[in-house]
Every structure is written in C-alpha cells, then in structure tokens.
C-alpha cells in the first residue's frame, strides 16, 4: 500500500490492522541474549545509519532476542537494571513489537513476548509504504502511570529521552549485525492507538522498523 492510499484511508478512518499471518502464540519465550562478540563500539557508531528498504524475511529467533535485549533488556539482574536509563528508574517506556503474527509486548524480566493483539498492525505503525512488509516494527509507548514520582510537566520529555536511548541501542545493534533500521515519528496516532488497544495514560512516542537488508544493499 503506497503512502497516498494510507493517508486517504486515515482521513476516512479506515486504516485498520490485517488478520495475523502464521501461528500466533499467547507467549513467546525468547532464547537468552548473546552477551559476547559483536562489532566494536566505535566501528558500530561509524556504521550507524538509517535505511528504508528491507527484506520481508523474519529475523532468526536468536537475533530477535538479542535485538530486544539491546533495546530494553535487563543487564544487571541483582538491581533489575536495564540497558537504557529512565527517570527515577520508572521504566516508563513500553516496547511493543508488531510482526505478521500479531502485536506483542516485550517483557524484560522474563525476556519474553506477550501477545497483546492478534492482528497484523504493521501497516498502521507508519504512513511509509515499507512498514507494511518489513518483518517487524517496534513501537515505543510511554506509560504515564509509571511516572508518579516525576513532575507531570516533565514526564513527556523524560519518556522521549528513554525512547531515544532505546532507539539508539537498536541502531547500534543493527549496525553490528548488518541489519537495516530507521526511526519514525510519522504515523496516524488515533488509528495506531486504537489498533494497539492503548489506554488513556499511554502515549505513543516513536516507531522503528527493523529487518535484514535487501540483497542489493548488503552486497
């Protein structure tokens, strides 16, 4: 579906999710993340870039596990510390994963994906045409209910700061793994909120598409 068609459907309130593709499990347990190897940090920073063309092939399960851990996983189990900072350890940004099988919420403590919506919502995560067929779209959502200790006027800024850190971790992981990714803020917020079943105290922040590069890009 091209961008103009998506914009028109949005104006008519008809930008809707599609039926899921493939088997949809209520809970997907991920393998433990790989905590060794990878590209040196300076090399990853040198290679970091946005790409907007993706292979439709699903990421291997281990690579998906490593990606989600890099974005928001626990790296200090004795403290419950994450790979990204948050205000007063509120952990206010929820990480949703839109795949053909459905919309999942990443749960760092169990390192697992919990099914939230049994629909393919990828095409609603952005106005760009490539989001429809890329293997996964990440959606960063602020849960304001978790920020009770943060002054109300500062909550949005704090949440965006955490989401930005998560997105940069994804960028560096993708650079290290030879994957394509791009951060996005252009989406139909009412349509996506409805498709995801978000609550009133949830705020959509950003989306980020991830996938393998097309063959001509990787060459």
N, C-alpha and C. Protein backbone atom coordinates (compact mmCIF):
# COMPACT_ATOMS: atom_id res chain seq x y z
N UNK A 1 0.85 -1.19 0.00
CA UNK A 1 0.00 0.00 0.00
C UNK A 1 0.89 1.25 0.00
N UNK A 2 0.65 2.18 -0.96
CA UNK A 2 1.51 3.35 -1.02
C UNK A 2 1.06 4.41 -0.01
N UNK A 3 1.90 5.44 0.13
CA UNK A 3 1.68 6.45 1.15
C UNK A 3 0.38 7.22 0.93
N UNK A 4 0.08 7.58 -0.31
CA UNK A 4 -1.14 8.34 -0.59
C UNK A 4 -2.39 7.55 -0.22
N UNK A 5 -2.37 6.25 -0.51
CA UNK A 5 -3.51 5.41 -0.15
C UNK A 5 -3.67 5.34 1.36
N UNK A 6 -2.56 5.21 2.07
CA UNK A 6 -2.62 5.15 3.53
C UNK A 6 -3.15 6.46 4.12
N UNK A 7 -2.71 7.58 3.55
CA UNK A 7 -3.20 8.87 4.02
C UNK A 7 -4.70 9.00 3.79
N UNK A 8 -5.16 8.56 2.61
CA UNK A 8 -6.59 8.63 2.31
C UNK A 8 -7.40 7.75 3.25
N UNK A 9 -6.92 6.53 3.50
CA UNK A 9 -7.62 5.64 4.42
C UNK A 9 -7.65 6.23 5.82
N UNK A 10 -6.55 6.87 6.21
CA UNK A 10 -6.52 7.50 7.51
C UNK A 10 -7.55 8.61 7.64
N UNK A 11 -7.69 9.43 6.59
CA UNK A 11 -8.67 10.51 6.61
C UNK A 11 -10.09 9.96 6.72
N UNK A 12 -10.31 8.78 6.17
CA UNK A 12 -11.63 8.16 6.23
C UNK A 12 -11.81 7.28 7.46
N UNK A 13 -10.77 7.21 8.29
CA UNK A 13 -10.85 6.35 9.47
C UNK A 13 -10.84 4.87 9.14
N UNK A 14 -10.21 4.52 8.01
CA UNK A 14 -10.24 3.14 7.53
C UNK A 14 -8.86 2.48 7.53
N UNK A 15 -7.88 3.10 8.16
CA UNK A 15 -6.56 2.46 8.25
C UNK A 15 -6.60 1.46 9.40
N UNK A 16 -6.78 0.20 9.05
CA UNK A 16 -7.04 -0.83 10.04
C UNK A 16 -5.96 -1.92 9.97
N UNK A 17 -5.79 -2.69 11.06
CA UNK A 17 -4.89 -3.85 11.02
C UNK A 17 -5.42 -4.92 10.08
N UNK A 18 -4.57 -5.87 9.77
CA UNK A 18 -4.92 -7.01 8.94
C UNK A 18 -4.98 -8.27 9.80
N UNK A 19 -5.60 -9.34 9.32
CA UNK A 19 -5.56 -10.61 10.07
C UNK A 19 -4.12 -11.07 10.25
N UNK A 20 -3.82 -11.78 11.33
CA UNK A 20 -2.45 -12.26 11.55
C UNK A 20 -2.04 -13.28 10.50
N UNK A 21 -0.73 -13.36 10.29
CA UNK A 21 -0.16 -14.32 9.35
C UNK A 21 0.62 -15.35 10.14
N UNK A 22 0.31 -16.62 9.96
CA UNK A 22 1.03 -17.67 10.67
C UNK A 22 0.45 -17.94 12.05
N UNK A 23 1.12 -18.83 12.78
CA UNK A 23 0.67 -19.22 14.12
C UNK A 23 0.92 -18.08 15.10
N UNK A 24 -0.05 -17.83 15.96
CA UNK A 24 0.05 -16.78 16.96
C UNK A 24 -0.02 -17.40 18.35
N UNK A 25 1.09 -17.35 19.07
CA UNK A 25 1.14 -17.88 20.44
C UNK A 25 0.92 -16.75 21.42
N UNK A 26 0.27 -17.05 22.54
CA UNK A 26 -0.01 -16.03 23.55
C UNK A 26 1.27 -15.55 24.23
N UNK A 27 2.28 -16.40 24.29
CA UNK A 27 3.54 -16.05 24.95
C UNK A 27 4.68 -16.68 24.18
N UNK A 28 5.65 -15.87 23.80
CA UNK A 28 6.82 -16.36 23.10
C UNK A 28 8.04 -16.20 24.00
N UNK A 29 8.58 -17.31 24.47
CA UNK A 29 9.79 -17.26 25.27
C UNK A 29 10.99 -17.15 24.35
N UNK A 30 11.81 -16.16 24.59
CA UNK A 30 12.98 -15.91 23.75
C UNK A 30 14.20 -16.63 24.32
N UNK A 31 15.13 -17.06 23.47
CA UNK A 31 16.37 -17.64 23.99
C UNK A 31 17.19 -16.58 24.71
N UNK A 32 18.04 -16.98 25.63
CA UNK A 32 18.88 -15.98 26.32
C UNK A 32 19.66 -15.13 25.32
N UNK A 33 19.83 -13.84 25.60
CA UNK A 33 20.57 -12.99 24.67
C UNK A 33 22.04 -13.37 24.61
N UNK A 34 22.63 -13.13 23.47
CA UNK A 34 24.06 -13.35 23.29
C UNK A 34 24.80 -12.15 23.86
N UNK A 35 25.64 -12.37 24.84
CA UNK A 35 26.28 -11.25 25.55
C UNK A 35 27.77 -11.12 25.24
N UNK A 36 28.22 -11.79 24.21
CA UNK A 36 29.61 -11.67 23.80
C UNK A 36 29.67 -11.41 22.30
N UNK A 37 30.82 -10.94 21.84
CA UNK A 37 31.04 -10.73 20.41
C UNK A 37 30.43 -9.42 19.94
N UNK A 38 30.17 -9.35 18.66
CA UNK A 38 29.63 -8.14 18.08
C UNK A 38 30.71 -7.19 17.63
N UNK A 39 30.31 -6.14 16.96
CA UNK A 39 31.22 -5.14 16.43
C UNK A 39 31.72 -4.21 17.54
N UNK A 40 32.97 -3.78 17.52
CA UNK A 40 33.43 -2.78 18.49
C UNK A 40 32.58 -1.52 18.43
N UNK A 41 32.41 -0.86 19.57
CA UNK A 41 31.51 0.28 19.66
C UNK A 41 31.83 1.36 18.64
N UNK A 42 33.10 1.74 18.51
CA UNK A 42 33.44 2.82 17.58
C UNK A 42 33.12 2.43 16.15
N UNK A 43 33.34 1.17 15.81
CA UNK A 43 33.00 0.70 14.47
C UNK A 43 31.50 0.73 14.24
N UNK A 44 30.72 0.36 15.28
CA UNK A 44 29.26 0.40 15.15
C UNK A 44 28.78 1.84 14.99
N UNK A 45 29.35 2.77 15.73
CA UNK A 45 28.98 4.18 15.59
C UNK A 45 29.32 4.68 14.18
N UNK A 46 30.44 4.24 13.66
CA UNK A 46 30.84 4.65 12.32
C UNK A 46 29.88 4.11 11.26
N UNK A 47 29.30 2.94 11.51
CA UNK A 47 28.41 2.29 10.53
C UNK A 47 26.95 2.64 10.73
N UNK A 48 26.60 3.29 11.83
CA UNK A 48 25.20 3.57 12.16
C UNK A 48 24.57 4.47 11.11
N UNK A 49 23.42 4.06 10.57
CA UNK A 49 22.70 4.87 9.60
C UNK A 49 21.26 4.38 9.48
N UNK A 50 20.42 5.23 8.89
CA UNK A 50 19.03 4.86 8.62
C UNK A 50 18.91 4.24 7.23
N UNK A 51 18.17 3.16 7.13
CA UNK A 51 17.87 2.53 5.85
C UNK A 51 16.37 2.29 5.77
N UNK A 52 15.83 2.44 4.58
CA UNK A 52 14.38 2.36 4.40
C UNK A 52 13.96 1.26 3.43
N UNK A 53 14.84 0.33 3.16
CA UNK A 53 14.50 -0.81 2.32
C UNK A 53 14.84 -2.07 3.11
N UNK A 54 13.89 -3.01 3.13
CA UNK A 54 14.01 -4.17 4.00
C UNK A 54 13.64 -5.44 3.26
N UNK A 55 14.35 -6.51 3.58
CA UNK A 55 13.89 -7.83 3.17
C UNK A 55 12.68 -8.20 4.01
N UNK A 56 11.68 -8.87 3.44
CA UNK A 56 10.50 -9.26 4.22
C UNK A 56 10.73 -10.47 5.12
N UNK A 57 11.90 -11.10 5.02
CA UNK A 57 12.16 -12.32 5.77
C UNK A 57 12.24 -12.03 7.27
N UNK A 58 11.64 -12.92 8.05
CA UNK A 58 11.68 -12.77 9.51
C UNK A 58 13.10 -12.88 10.04
N UNK A 59 13.38 -12.16 11.13
CA UNK A 59 14.67 -12.30 11.78
C UNK A 59 14.76 -13.65 12.47
N UNK A 60 15.94 -14.28 12.48
CA UNK A 60 16.11 -15.50 13.28
C UNK A 60 15.76 -15.23 14.74
N UNK A 61 15.27 -16.23 15.43
CA UNK A 61 14.81 -16.05 16.81
C UNK A 61 15.92 -15.52 17.71
N UNK A 62 17.13 -16.03 17.55
CA UNK A 62 18.23 -15.55 18.39
C UNK A 62 18.53 -14.08 18.12
N UNK A 63 18.47 -13.69 16.87
CA UNK A 63 18.73 -12.28 16.53
C UNK A 63 17.63 -11.38 17.08
N UNK A 64 16.38 -11.84 17.03
CA UNK A 64 15.29 -11.09 17.63
C UNK A 64 15.48 -10.95 19.13
N UNK A 65 15.89 -12.02 19.77
CA UNK A 65 16.16 -12.00 21.21
C UNK A 65 17.23 -10.97 21.55
N UNK A 66 18.31 -10.98 20.79
CA UNK A 66 19.42 -10.06 21.05
C UNK A 66 18.99 -8.62 20.80
N UNK A 67 18.20 -8.40 19.75
CA UNK A 67 17.72 -7.06 19.43
C UNK A 67 16.89 -6.47 20.56
N UNK A 68 15.93 -7.24 21.07
CA UNK A 68 15.05 -6.74 22.11
C UNK A 68 15.80 -6.53 23.42
N UNK A 69 16.75 -7.41 23.69
CA UNK A 69 17.57 -7.21 24.90
C UNK A 69 18.38 -5.92 24.77
N UNK A 70 18.95 -5.68 23.60
CA UNK A 70 19.72 -4.45 23.41
C UNK A 70 18.83 -3.22 23.61
N UNK A 71 17.58 -3.29 23.16
CA UNK A 71 16.67 -2.15 23.24
C UNK A 71 16.22 -1.87 24.67
N UNK A 72 15.92 -2.91 25.45
CA UNK A 72 15.30 -2.67 26.76
C UNK A 72 15.52 -3.81 27.73
N UNK A 73 16.52 -4.64 27.51
CA UNK A 73 16.72 -5.80 28.36
C UNK A 73 17.36 -5.49 29.70
N UNK A 74 17.36 -6.49 30.55
CA UNK A 74 17.97 -6.36 31.89
C UNK A 74 19.44 -6.77 31.80
N UNK A 75 20.33 -5.87 32.21
CA UNK A 75 21.76 -6.17 32.18
C UNK A 75 22.39 -6.24 33.57
N UNK A 76 21.60 -5.96 34.61
CA UNK A 76 22.05 -6.08 36.00
C UNK A 76 20.91 -6.70 36.79
N UNK A 77 20.90 -8.02 36.83
CA UNK A 77 19.76 -8.73 37.39
C UNK A 77 19.59 -8.48 38.88
N UNK A 78 20.66 -8.24 39.58
CA UNK A 78 20.53 -8.02 41.02
C UNK A 78 19.80 -6.72 41.32
N UNK A 79 19.83 -5.75 40.38
CA UNK A 79 19.16 -4.47 40.57
C UNK A 79 17.94 -4.32 39.66
N UNK A 80 17.79 -5.23 38.70
CA UNK A 80 16.76 -5.05 37.69
C UNK A 80 17.10 -3.94 36.71
N UNK A 81 18.40 -3.60 36.63
CA UNK A 81 18.82 -2.51 35.76
C UNK A 81 18.72 -2.86 34.29
N UNK A 82 18.41 -1.88 33.48
CA UNK A 82 18.20 -2.07 32.05
C UNK A 82 19.40 -1.58 31.24
N UNK A 83 19.33 -1.85 29.96
CA UNK A 83 20.37 -1.38 29.03
C UNK A 83 20.20 0.10 28.69
N UNK A 84 19.12 0.72 29.16
CA UNK A 84 18.87 2.15 28.91
C UNK A 84 18.47 2.83 30.21
N UNK A 85 18.74 4.13 30.34
CA UNK A 85 18.36 4.86 31.55
C UNK A 85 16.90 5.25 31.55
N UNK A 86 16.34 5.46 32.74
CA UNK A 86 14.98 6.00 32.86
C UNK A 86 14.91 6.87 34.11
N UNK A 87 13.99 7.83 34.10
CA UNK A 87 13.87 8.77 35.21
C UNK A 87 13.43 8.05 36.48
N UNK A 88 14.25 8.15 37.52
CA UNK A 88 13.93 7.55 38.83
C UNK A 88 13.61 6.07 38.69
N UNK A 89 14.21 5.43 37.69
CA UNK A 89 14.01 4.00 37.43
C UNK A 89 12.53 3.67 37.24
N UNK A 90 11.81 4.58 36.61
CA UNK A 90 10.38 4.37 36.39
C UNK A 90 10.11 3.31 35.33
N UNK A 91 11.09 3.10 34.42
CA UNK A 91 10.92 2.16 33.30
C UNK A 91 9.60 2.47 32.59
N UNK A 92 9.47 3.73 32.21
CA UNK A 92 8.18 4.23 31.74
C UNK A 92 7.88 3.94 30.27
N UNK A 93 8.86 3.50 29.50
CA UNK A 93 8.62 3.27 28.08
C UNK A 93 8.41 1.78 27.82
N UNK A 94 7.24 1.44 27.30
CA UNK A 94 6.91 0.06 26.93
C UNK A 94 7.35 -0.18 25.49
N UNK A 95 7.87 -1.37 25.23
CA UNK A 95 8.34 -1.71 23.89
C UNK A 95 7.39 -2.74 23.27
N UNK A 96 6.65 -2.30 22.25
CA UNK A 96 5.76 -3.18 21.51
C UNK A 96 6.45 -3.64 20.23
N UNK A 97 6.12 -4.84 19.80
CA UNK A 97 6.73 -5.43 18.62
C UNK A 97 5.61 -5.88 17.68
N UNK A 98 5.50 -5.22 16.54
CA UNK A 98 4.48 -5.58 15.54
C UNK A 98 5.12 -6.50 14.51
N UNK A 99 4.58 -7.71 14.41
CA UNK A 99 5.06 -8.71 13.47
C UNK A 99 3.86 -9.29 12.73
N UNK A 100 4.08 -10.08 11.67
CA UNK A 100 2.93 -10.66 10.95
C UNK A 100 2.01 -11.47 11.85
N UNK A 101 2.56 -12.12 12.88
CA UNK A 101 1.77 -12.99 13.76
C UNK A 101 0.88 -12.21 14.72
N UNK A 102 1.20 -10.92 14.95
CA UNK A 102 0.42 -10.14 15.90
C UNK A 102 1.24 -9.04 16.52
N UNK A 103 0.63 -8.34 17.48
CA UNK A 103 1.30 -7.28 18.22
C UNK A 103 1.66 -7.82 19.59
N UNK A 104 2.95 -7.73 19.95
CA UNK A 104 3.46 -8.28 21.19
C UNK A 104 4.04 -7.17 22.06
N UNK A 105 4.03 -7.40 23.36
CA UNK A 105 4.70 -6.53 24.32
C UNK A 105 5.94 -7.26 24.83
N UNK A 106 7.09 -6.58 24.75
CA UNK A 106 8.32 -7.19 25.28
C UNK A 106 8.35 -7.04 26.79
N UNK A 107 8.53 -8.16 27.48
CA UNK A 107 8.62 -8.18 28.95
C UNK A 107 10.06 -8.49 29.34
N UNK A 108 10.82 -7.47 29.76
CA UNK A 108 12.25 -7.67 30.04
C UNK A 108 12.53 -8.67 31.15
N UNK A 109 11.72 -8.68 32.21
CA UNK A 109 12.01 -9.54 33.34
C UNK A 109 12.04 -11.01 32.93
N UNK A 110 11.07 -11.43 32.15
CA UNK A 110 11.04 -12.81 31.69
C UNK A 110 11.71 -13.00 30.34
N UNK A 111 12.16 -11.91 29.74
CA UNK A 111 12.74 -11.91 28.39
C UNK A 111 11.83 -12.73 27.46
N UNK A 112 10.62 -12.17 27.28
CA UNK A 112 9.61 -12.87 26.50
C UNK A 112 8.69 -11.86 25.83
N UNK A 113 7.94 -12.34 24.86
CA UNK A 113 6.97 -11.52 24.15
C UNK A 113 5.57 -12.01 24.49
N UNK A 114 4.73 -11.08 24.93
CA UNK A 114 3.35 -11.41 25.28
C UNK A 114 2.42 -10.84 24.22
N UNK A 115 1.56 -11.69 23.67
CA UNK A 115 0.62 -11.26 22.65
C UNK A 115 -0.39 -10.29 23.25
N UNK A 116 -0.53 -9.13 22.60
CA UNK A 116 -1.50 -8.13 23.05
C UNK A 116 -2.68 -8.00 22.09
N UNK A 117 -2.40 -8.12 20.80
CA UNK A 117 -3.45 -8.01 19.77
C UNK A 117 -3.17 -9.05 18.70
N UNK A 118 -4.12 -9.91 18.44
CA UNK A 118 -3.95 -10.97 17.43
C UNK A 118 -4.30 -10.44 16.05
N UNK A 119 -3.59 -9.40 15.63
CA UNK A 119 -3.76 -8.80 14.31
C UNK A 119 -2.40 -8.33 13.82
N UNK A 120 -2.28 -8.22 12.51
CA UNK A 120 -1.06 -7.68 11.90
C UNK A 120 -1.24 -6.17 11.80
N UNK A 121 -0.64 -5.43 12.73
CA UNK A 121 -0.83 -3.98 12.78
C UNK A 121 0.32 -3.22 12.12
N UNK A 122 1.21 -3.93 11.43
CA UNK A 122 2.40 -3.27 10.88
C UNK A 122 2.05 -2.07 10.02
N UNK A 123 1.06 -2.20 9.17
CA UNK A 123 0.78 -1.11 8.23
C UNK A 123 0.22 0.13 8.93
N UNK A 124 -0.23 -0.02 10.18
CA UNK A 124 -0.76 1.12 10.92
C UNK A 124 0.35 1.83 11.70
N UNK A 125 1.55 1.24 11.76
CA UNK A 125 2.63 1.83 12.56
C UNK A 125 3.33 2.97 11.85
N UNK A 126 2.93 3.32 10.63
CA UNK A 126 3.56 4.43 9.93
C UNK A 126 2.87 4.70 8.61
N UNK A 127 3.06 5.91 8.10
CA UNK A 127 2.49 6.27 6.81
C UNK A 127 3.37 5.80 5.65
N UNK A 128 4.61 5.42 5.93
CA UNK A 128 5.51 4.97 4.88
C UNK A 128 5.08 3.60 4.37
N UNK A 129 5.34 3.33 3.08
CA UNK A 129 4.90 2.07 2.50
C UNK A 129 5.71 0.88 3.00
N UNK A 130 6.98 1.08 3.36
CA UNK A 130 7.83 -0.06 3.73
C UNK A 130 7.44 -0.71 5.05
N UNK A 131 6.68 0.00 5.90
CA UNK A 131 6.33 -0.59 7.20
C UNK A 131 5.37 -1.77 7.04
N UNK A 132 4.67 -1.83 5.91
CA UNK A 132 3.67 -2.88 5.71
C UNK A 132 4.29 -4.27 5.60
N UNK A 133 5.49 -4.34 5.00
CA UNK A 133 6.07 -5.65 4.70
C UNK A 133 7.39 -5.92 5.40
N UNK A 134 7.98 -4.94 6.07
CA UNK A 134 9.19 -5.21 6.85
C UNK A 134 8.86 -6.22 7.94
N UNK A 135 9.82 -7.05 8.37
CA UNK A 135 9.50 -8.14 9.30
C UNK A 135 9.01 -7.70 10.67
N UNK A 136 9.47 -6.53 11.14
CA UNK A 136 8.96 -6.07 12.43
C UNK A 136 9.07 -4.57 12.56
N UNK A 137 8.11 -4.01 13.26
CA UNK A 137 8.10 -2.59 13.60
C UNK A 137 8.01 -2.47 15.11
N UNK A 138 8.97 -1.80 15.71
CA UNK A 138 8.95 -1.52 17.13
C UNK A 138 8.13 -0.26 17.37
N UNK A 139 7.38 -0.25 18.46
CA UNK A 139 6.61 0.94 18.83
C UNK A 139 6.91 1.26 20.29
N UNK A 140 7.38 2.48 20.53
CA UNK A 140 7.74 2.94 21.87
C UNK A 140 6.57 3.72 22.46
N UNK A 141 6.08 3.26 23.62
CA UNK A 141 4.88 3.83 24.24
C UNK A 141 5.20 4.24 25.68
N UNK A 142 4.91 5.48 26.03
CA UNK A 142 5.10 5.94 27.40
C UNK A 142 3.89 5.56 28.25
N UNK A 143 4.16 4.96 29.39
CA UNK A 143 3.10 4.63 30.36
C UNK A 143 3.20 5.67 31.49
N UNK A 144 2.36 6.70 31.41
CA UNK A 144 2.44 7.79 32.38
C UNK A 144 2.09 7.33 33.80
N UNK A 145 1.38 6.24 33.93
CA UNK A 145 1.04 5.74 35.26
C UNK A 145 2.28 5.29 36.02
N UNK A 146 3.36 4.98 35.30
CA UNK A 146 4.60 4.55 35.96
C UNK A 146 5.44 5.73 36.47
N UNK A 147 5.05 6.95 36.11
CA UNK A 147 5.88 8.11 36.44
C UNK A 147 5.30 8.94 37.57
N UNK A 148 4.77 8.29 38.58
CA UNK A 148 4.15 9.01 39.68
C UNK A 148 5.10 9.92 40.43
N UNK A 149 6.40 9.58 40.45
CA UNK A 149 7.38 10.40 41.16
C UNK A 149 7.97 11.51 40.31
N UNK A 150 7.62 11.52 39.03
CA UNK A 150 8.14 12.54 38.11
C UNK A 150 7.12 13.66 37.97
N UNK A 151 7.53 14.92 38.11
CA UNK A 151 6.58 16.02 37.92
C UNK A 151 5.87 15.91 36.57
N UNK A 152 4.58 16.17 36.55
CA UNK A 152 3.77 15.96 35.35
C UNK A 152 4.31 16.71 34.15
N UNK A 153 4.83 17.92 34.37
CA UNK A 153 5.31 18.73 33.26
C UNK A 153 6.56 18.15 32.60
N UNK A 154 7.24 17.24 33.30
CA UNK A 154 8.50 16.70 32.78
C UNK A 154 8.35 15.27 32.24
N UNK A 155 7.21 14.67 32.40
CA UNK A 155 7.06 13.25 32.07
C UNK A 155 7.27 12.97 30.59
N UNK A 156 6.71 13.79 29.73
CA UNK A 156 6.85 13.55 28.30
C UNK A 156 8.31 13.65 27.87
N UNK A 157 9.02 14.67 28.35
CA UNK A 157 10.42 14.84 27.99
C UNK A 157 11.26 13.66 28.47
N UNK A 158 11.00 13.20 29.69
CA UNK A 158 11.74 12.06 30.23
C UNK A 158 11.47 10.80 29.41
N UNK A 159 10.21 10.61 29.03
CA UNK A 159 9.87 9.42 28.25
C UNK A 159 10.54 9.45 26.88
N UNK A 160 10.54 10.61 26.23
CA UNK A 160 11.21 10.71 24.93
C UNK A 160 12.71 10.46 25.06
N UNK A 161 13.31 10.91 26.17
CA UNK A 161 14.73 10.66 26.37
C UNK A 161 15.02 9.16 26.47
N UNK A 162 14.17 8.44 27.20
CA UNK A 162 14.35 7.00 27.32
C UNK A 162 14.13 6.31 25.99
N UNK A 163 13.07 6.72 25.26
CA UNK A 163 12.81 6.12 23.95
C UNK A 163 13.96 6.38 22.99
N UNK A 164 14.54 7.56 23.06
CA UNK A 164 15.69 7.86 22.20
C UNK A 164 16.87 6.96 22.50
N UNK A 165 17.11 6.70 23.79
CA UNK A 165 18.20 5.80 24.16
C UNK A 165 17.92 4.39 23.65
N UNK A 166 16.69 3.94 23.76
CA UNK A 166 16.32 2.62 23.27
C UNK A 166 16.54 2.52 21.75
N UNK A 167 16.09 3.56 21.05
CA UNK A 167 16.22 3.57 19.60
C UNK A 167 17.69 3.55 19.18
N UNK A 168 18.54 4.29 19.90
CA UNK A 168 19.96 4.30 19.55
C UNK A 168 20.60 2.94 19.83
N UNK A 169 20.18 2.28 20.89
CA UNK A 169 20.68 0.92 21.12
C UNK A 169 20.32 0.00 19.96
N UNK A 170 19.10 0.17 19.44
CA UNK A 170 18.68 -0.63 18.28
C UNK A 170 19.53 -0.29 17.07
N UNK A 171 19.79 0.99 16.85
CA UNK A 171 20.65 1.40 15.73
C UNK A 171 22.03 0.75 15.83
N UNK A 172 22.62 0.79 17.01
CA UNK A 172 23.97 0.24 17.16
C UNK A 172 23.96 -1.28 17.00
N UNK A 173 22.92 -1.93 17.52
CA UNK A 173 22.82 -3.38 17.33
C UNK A 173 22.69 -3.70 15.85
N UNK A 174 21.85 -2.96 15.14
CA UNK A 174 21.66 -3.22 13.72
C UNK A 174 22.95 -2.97 12.94
N UNK A 175 23.69 -1.95 13.30
CA UNK A 175 24.97 -1.70 12.64
C UNK A 175 25.91 -2.87 12.86
N UNK A 176 25.94 -3.39 14.07
CA UNK A 176 26.82 -4.52 14.40
C UNK A 176 26.41 -5.78 13.67
N UNK A 177 25.09 -5.96 13.47
CA UNK A 177 24.56 -7.19 12.88
C UNK A 177 24.35 -7.11 11.37
N UNK A 178 24.58 -5.94 10.80
CA UNK A 178 24.34 -5.79 9.37
C UNK A 178 22.87 -5.74 9.01
N UNK A 179 22.03 -5.23 9.93
CA UNK A 179 20.60 -5.10 9.69
C UNK A 179 20.25 -3.67 9.28
N UNK A 180 19.08 -3.50 8.69
CA UNK A 180 18.58 -2.18 8.33
C UNK A 180 17.59 -1.71 9.39
N UNK A 181 17.58 -0.41 9.66
CA UNK A 181 16.61 0.15 10.60
C UNK A 181 16.42 1.63 10.33
N UNK A 182 15.27 2.15 10.74
CA UNK A 182 15.01 3.59 10.66
C UNK A 182 14.00 3.95 11.74
N UNK A 183 14.27 5.06 12.42
CA UNK A 183 13.36 5.57 13.44
C UNK A 183 12.31 6.44 12.75
N UNK A 184 11.07 6.44 13.29
CA UNK A 184 9.98 7.13 12.61
C UNK A 184 9.06 7.79 13.63
N UNK A 185 8.52 8.95 13.24
CA UNK A 185 7.52 9.63 14.07
C UNK A 185 6.28 10.00 13.27
N UNK A 186 6.23 9.55 12.00
CA UNK A 186 5.11 9.89 11.12
C UNK A 186 4.14 8.72 11.08
N UNK A 187 3.10 8.79 11.89
CA UNK A 187 2.06 7.76 11.90
C UNK A 187 0.75 8.38 12.37
N UNK A 188 -0.33 7.70 12.06
CA UNK A 188 -1.67 8.15 12.43
C UNK A 188 -1.89 7.75 13.89
N UNK A 189 -1.74 8.70 14.78
CA UNK A 189 -1.79 8.38 16.21
C UNK A 189 -3.13 7.81 16.67
N UNK A 190 -4.25 8.40 16.29
CA UNK A 190 -5.53 7.80 16.71
C UNK A 190 -5.70 6.38 16.17
N UNK A 191 -5.35 6.17 14.89
CA UNK A 191 -5.53 4.84 14.30
C UNK A 191 -4.62 3.82 14.97
N UNK A 192 -3.37 4.21 15.24
CA UNK A 192 -2.44 3.26 15.86
C UNK A 192 -2.82 2.99 17.31
N UNK A 193 -3.23 4.02 18.04
CA UNK A 193 -3.66 3.81 19.42
C UNK A 193 -4.83 2.83 19.48
N UNK A 194 -5.77 2.99 18.56
CA UNK A 194 -6.93 2.10 18.52
C UNK A 194 -6.50 0.68 18.15
N UNK A 195 -5.64 0.56 17.15
CA UNK A 195 -5.20 -0.76 16.71
C UNK A 195 -4.46 -1.51 17.81
N UNK A 196 -3.72 -0.77 18.64
CA UNK A 196 -2.95 -1.37 19.70
C UNK A 196 -3.75 -1.57 20.98
N UNK A 197 -4.92 -0.97 21.06
CA UNK A 197 -5.71 -1.07 22.28
C UNK A 197 -5.09 -0.34 23.45
N UNK A 198 -4.47 0.82 23.19
CA UNK A 198 -3.78 1.54 24.25
C UNK A 198 -4.77 2.20 25.21
N UNK A 199 -4.30 2.39 26.45
CA UNK A 199 -5.12 3.01 27.48
C UNK A 199 -4.94 4.52 27.46
N UNK A 200 -5.78 5.23 28.21
CA UNK A 200 -5.77 6.69 28.21
C UNK A 200 -4.44 7.27 28.69
N UNK A 201 -3.74 6.58 29.61
CA UNK A 201 -2.48 7.10 30.13
C UNK A 201 -1.27 6.59 29.36
N UNK A 202 -1.51 6.00 28.20
CA UNK A 202 -0.44 5.58 27.32
C UNK A 202 -0.24 6.61 26.22
N UNK A 203 1.01 6.93 25.92
CA UNK A 203 1.33 7.93 24.90
C UNK A 203 2.25 7.33 23.86
N UNK A 204 1.83 7.36 22.60
CA UNK A 204 2.70 6.92 21.50
C UNK A 204 3.86 7.90 21.34
N UNK A 205 5.07 7.37 21.26
CA UNK A 205 6.24 8.22 21.12
C UNK A 205 6.86 8.09 19.73
N UNK A 206 7.39 6.92 19.43
CA UNK A 206 8.13 6.70 18.20
C UNK A 206 7.91 5.27 17.71
N UNK A 207 8.20 5.06 16.44
CA UNK A 207 8.26 3.72 15.88
C UNK A 207 9.62 3.51 15.25
N UNK A 208 10.00 2.26 15.08
CA UNK A 208 11.30 1.94 14.47
C UNK A 208 11.18 0.63 13.72
N UNK A 209 11.46 0.67 12.43
CA UNK A 209 11.38 -0.52 11.60
C UNK A 209 12.74 -1.20 11.56
N UNK A 210 12.73 -2.54 11.63
CA UNK A 210 13.96 -3.33 11.63
C UNK A 210 13.79 -4.51 10.69
N UNK A 211 14.84 -4.84 9.98
CA UNK A 211 14.83 -6.03 9.14
C UNK A 211 16.17 -6.25 8.49
N UNK A 212 16.31 -7.37 7.83
CA UNK A 212 17.52 -7.62 7.05
C UNK A 212 17.55 -6.69 5.86
N UNK A 213 18.75 -6.37 5.41
CA UNK A 213 18.87 -5.53 4.22
C UNK A 213 18.46 -6.33 2.99
N UNK A 214 17.98 -5.62 1.98
CA UNK A 214 17.76 -6.26 0.70
C UNK A 214 19.12 -6.69 0.11
N UNK A 215 19.08 -7.68 -0.75
CA UNK A 215 20.32 -8.25 -1.27
C UNK A 215 21.22 -7.21 -1.89
N UNK A 216 20.66 -6.25 -2.63
CA UNK A 216 21.48 -5.24 -3.30
C UNK A 216 22.13 -4.29 -2.32
N UNK A 217 21.48 -4.07 -1.13
CA UNK A 217 22.07 -3.21 -0.11
C UNK A 217 23.24 -3.91 0.58
N UNK A 218 23.05 -5.21 0.84
CA UNK A 218 24.06 -5.96 1.60
C UNK A 218 25.29 -6.25 0.75
N UNK A 219 25.16 -6.21 -0.56
CA UNK A 219 26.28 -6.55 -1.44
C UNK A 219 27.40 -5.52 -1.34
